[in-house]
Amino acid sequence: MTYHRWTDRDYRQLARLVQLYGLDWARISQTQFPDVSPVCLKNKYYTRINNNAAYQEKRQDSPSLSSIVSDEQRSDELVQQLMEILKATSM
């Protein structure tokens, strides 16, 4: 058995074949991925699902770019206000 370098196209094909054949890894292997064992296909499929789920969860938890920018703007405004206060108290 040779090493199979996975591409995004391969992952999409694997997902499409799972929709077509279900979890019949042997059939999927015979049909489209003869150089990949059924166990490897199963592992790739579930690893990809778990990675996608973790990525989606991370995206939902992370702040949006606009909120980061507005936080930076607020921070800049606070620094500016502090600088003005420091200038006024040092005179």
Foldseek 3Di string as FASTA:
>chain_A
DDDDDDDVVNLVVLVVVCVVPPLPLCVVCVPPNVVDHSVRSVVVNVVVVVVVVVVVVVVVPDDDPVVVVVVVVVVVVVVVVVVVVVVVVVD
